[in-house]
Protein backbone atom coordinates (compact mmCIF):
# COMPACT_ATOMS: atom_id res chain seq x y z
CA MET A 1 0.03 0.04 0.05
CA ALA A 2 1.57 3.22 -1.09
CA LYS A 3 1.32 6.59 0.90
CA ALA A 4 0.19 9.74 -0.71
CA GLY A 5 2.92 11.68 0.82
CA ASP A 6 2.26 14.88 2.79
CA ASN A 7 -1.54 14.39 2.28
CA SER A 8 -1.19 15.88 -1.14
CA TYR A 9 -4.19 14.09 -2.36
CA VAL A 10 -7.63 14.39 -1.15
CA VAL A 11 -11.23 12.82 -1.80
CA LEU A 12 -14.06 15.52 -1.76
CA PHE A 13 -17.65 14.56 -1.02
CA ILE A 14 -19.97 16.96 -2.76
CA THR A 15 -23.77 16.26 -2.49
CA THR A 16 -25.96 17.62 -5.34
CA GLY A 17 -29.65 17.82 -6.38
CA ALA A 18 -30.67 15.95 -9.48
CA ASP A 19 -28.51 13.89 -11.57
CA GLU A 20 -28.13 16.74 -14.14
CA GLU A 21 -26.60 19.04 -11.41
CA ALA A 22 -24.34 16.15 -10.47
CA GLN A 23 -23.32 15.85 -14.17
CA LEU A 24 -22.79 19.56 -14.62
CA ILE A 25 -20.60 19.98 -11.60
CA SER A 26 -18.49 16.89 -12.44
CA ARG A 27 -17.97 18.31 -16.13
CA VAL A 28 -17.02 21.43 -14.81
CA LEU A 29 -14.50 20.29 -12.45
CA LEU A 30 -13.06 17.91 -15.04
CA GLU A 31 -12.97 20.37 -17.92
CA GLN A 32 -11.18 22.72 -15.80
CA LYS A 33 -8.66 20.06 -14.61
CA LYS A 34 -9.62 20.24 -10.95
CA ALA A 35 -10.21 16.50 -10.57
CA ALA A 36 -8.66 13.30 -12.09
CA CYS A 37 -11.87 11.32 -11.48
CA ILE A 38 -15.28 11.83 -10.09
CA ASN A 39 -17.84 9.06 -9.41
CA ILE A 40 -21.55 9.87 -9.03
CA VAL A 41 -23.42 7.93 -6.56
CA PRO A 42 -27.17 8.47 -7.29
CA GLU A 43 -30.07 8.35 -4.82
CA VAL A 44 -28.41 8.97 -1.56
CA SER A 45 -30.81 9.46 1.41
CA SER A 46 -29.66 12.50 3.41
CA LEU A 47 -31.10 13.62 6.81
CA PHE A 48 -29.81 16.88 8.21
CA TRP A 49 -30.68 19.77 10.45
CA TRP A 50 -31.97 22.78 8.45
CA LYS A 51 -33.60 25.80 9.76
CA GLY A 52 -34.22 24.51 13.34
CA LYS A 53 -35.71 21.16 12.23
CA ILE A 54 -34.70 17.69 10.74
CA ASP A 55 -35.17 17.66 7.17
CA SER A 56 -34.56 14.91 4.53
CA THR A 57 -33.97 14.55 0.91
CA HIS A 58 -32.46 12.29 -1.88
CA GLU A 59 -29.45 13.50 -3.39
CA SER A 60 -26.40 12.44 -5.65
CA LEU A 61 -23.05 12.12 -3.93
CA LEU A 62 -19.89 13.14 -6.05
CA VAL A 63 -16.60 11.39 -4.80
CA VAL A 64 -13.92 13.72 -6.27
CA LYS A 65 -10.28 12.55 -6.37
CA THR A 66 -7.80 15.69 -6.66
CA LYS A 67 -4.90 17.27 -5.17
CA ALA A 68 -5.30 19.25 -1.74
CA SER A 69 -3.71 22.29 -3.55
CA LEU A 70 -6.99 22.45 -5.56
CA ILE A 71 -9.56 22.42 -2.81
CA GLY A 72 -10.23 26.28 -2.64
CA GLU A 73 -10.40 26.49 -6.40
CA ILE A 74 -12.97 23.50 -6.19
CA VAL A 75 -15.11 25.12 -3.51
CA GLN A 76 -15.31 28.35 -5.51
CA LEU A 77 -16.31 26.57 -8.66
CA VAL A 78 -18.89 24.35 -7.00
CA LYS A 79 -20.62 27.31 -5.24
CA GLU A 80 -20.82 29.22 -8.47
CA VAL A 81 -22.99 26.42 -9.98
CA HIS A 82 -24.54 24.71 -7.25
CA SER A 83 -28.40 25.04 -6.60
CA ARG A 84 -28.26 24.93 -2.72
CA ASP A 85 -27.60 27.82 -0.35
CA VAL A 86 -25.06 25.77 1.65
CA PRO A 87 -23.62 22.92 -0.62
CA GLU A 88 -21.93 20.10 1.28
CA ILE A 89 -18.36 19.99 0.01
CA ILE A 90 -15.99 18.38 2.46
CA ALA A 91 -12.42 17.01 1.81
CA LEU A 92 -10.68 14.07 3.67
CA PRO A 93 -7.00 13.27 3.07
CA ILE A 94 -5.98 10.18 1.19
CA VAL A 95 -3.39 8.53 3.44
CA GLY A 96 -2.56 5.44 1.38
CA GLY A 97 -3.57 3.48 -1.52
CA SER A 98 -2.29 2.34 -5.03
CA ARG A 99 0.88 4.12 -5.89
CA ASP A 100 -0.38 3.57 -9.66
CA TYR A 101 -3.47 5.06 -8.95
CA LEU A 102 -2.15 8.12 -7.08
CA ASP A 103 0.70 8.50 -9.63
CA TRP A 104 -2.09 8.77 -12.31
CA VAL A 105 -4.09 11.32 -10.41
CA GLY A 106 -1.10 13.49 -10.05
CA LYS A 107 -0.06 13.24 -13.52
CA GLU A 108 -3.67 14.06 -14.94
CA LEU A 109 -3.36 17.42 -12.64
CA GLU A 110 0.15 18.26 -13.29
CA GLU A 111 -0.24 21.33 -15.38
CA GLU A 112 -2.50 22.99 -12.49
CA GLU A 113 0.42 23.29 -10.12
């Protein structure tokens, strides 16, 4: 198992409304080379506090593989196109994994650094 090294790679979780929004956000991030790969997980059930009460909805979940150095730009891009007032955009460090895969992520995003 390879280490990502200095937590330079991250996975972002971004929830979206309908599948069309998930596709749009994914394409924006990929076309601007802010992500190497994005998985779209449809029909995620979410429960959360909103305006003083527990609410629920069905969403799509984006699983975004990228570099930690791009988080700020990704947050800004997502906020520009997202339909929600407070979109969920959270990042977790990748602490290990396939060296071949992590090298591929880095290679795909090279020109952005």
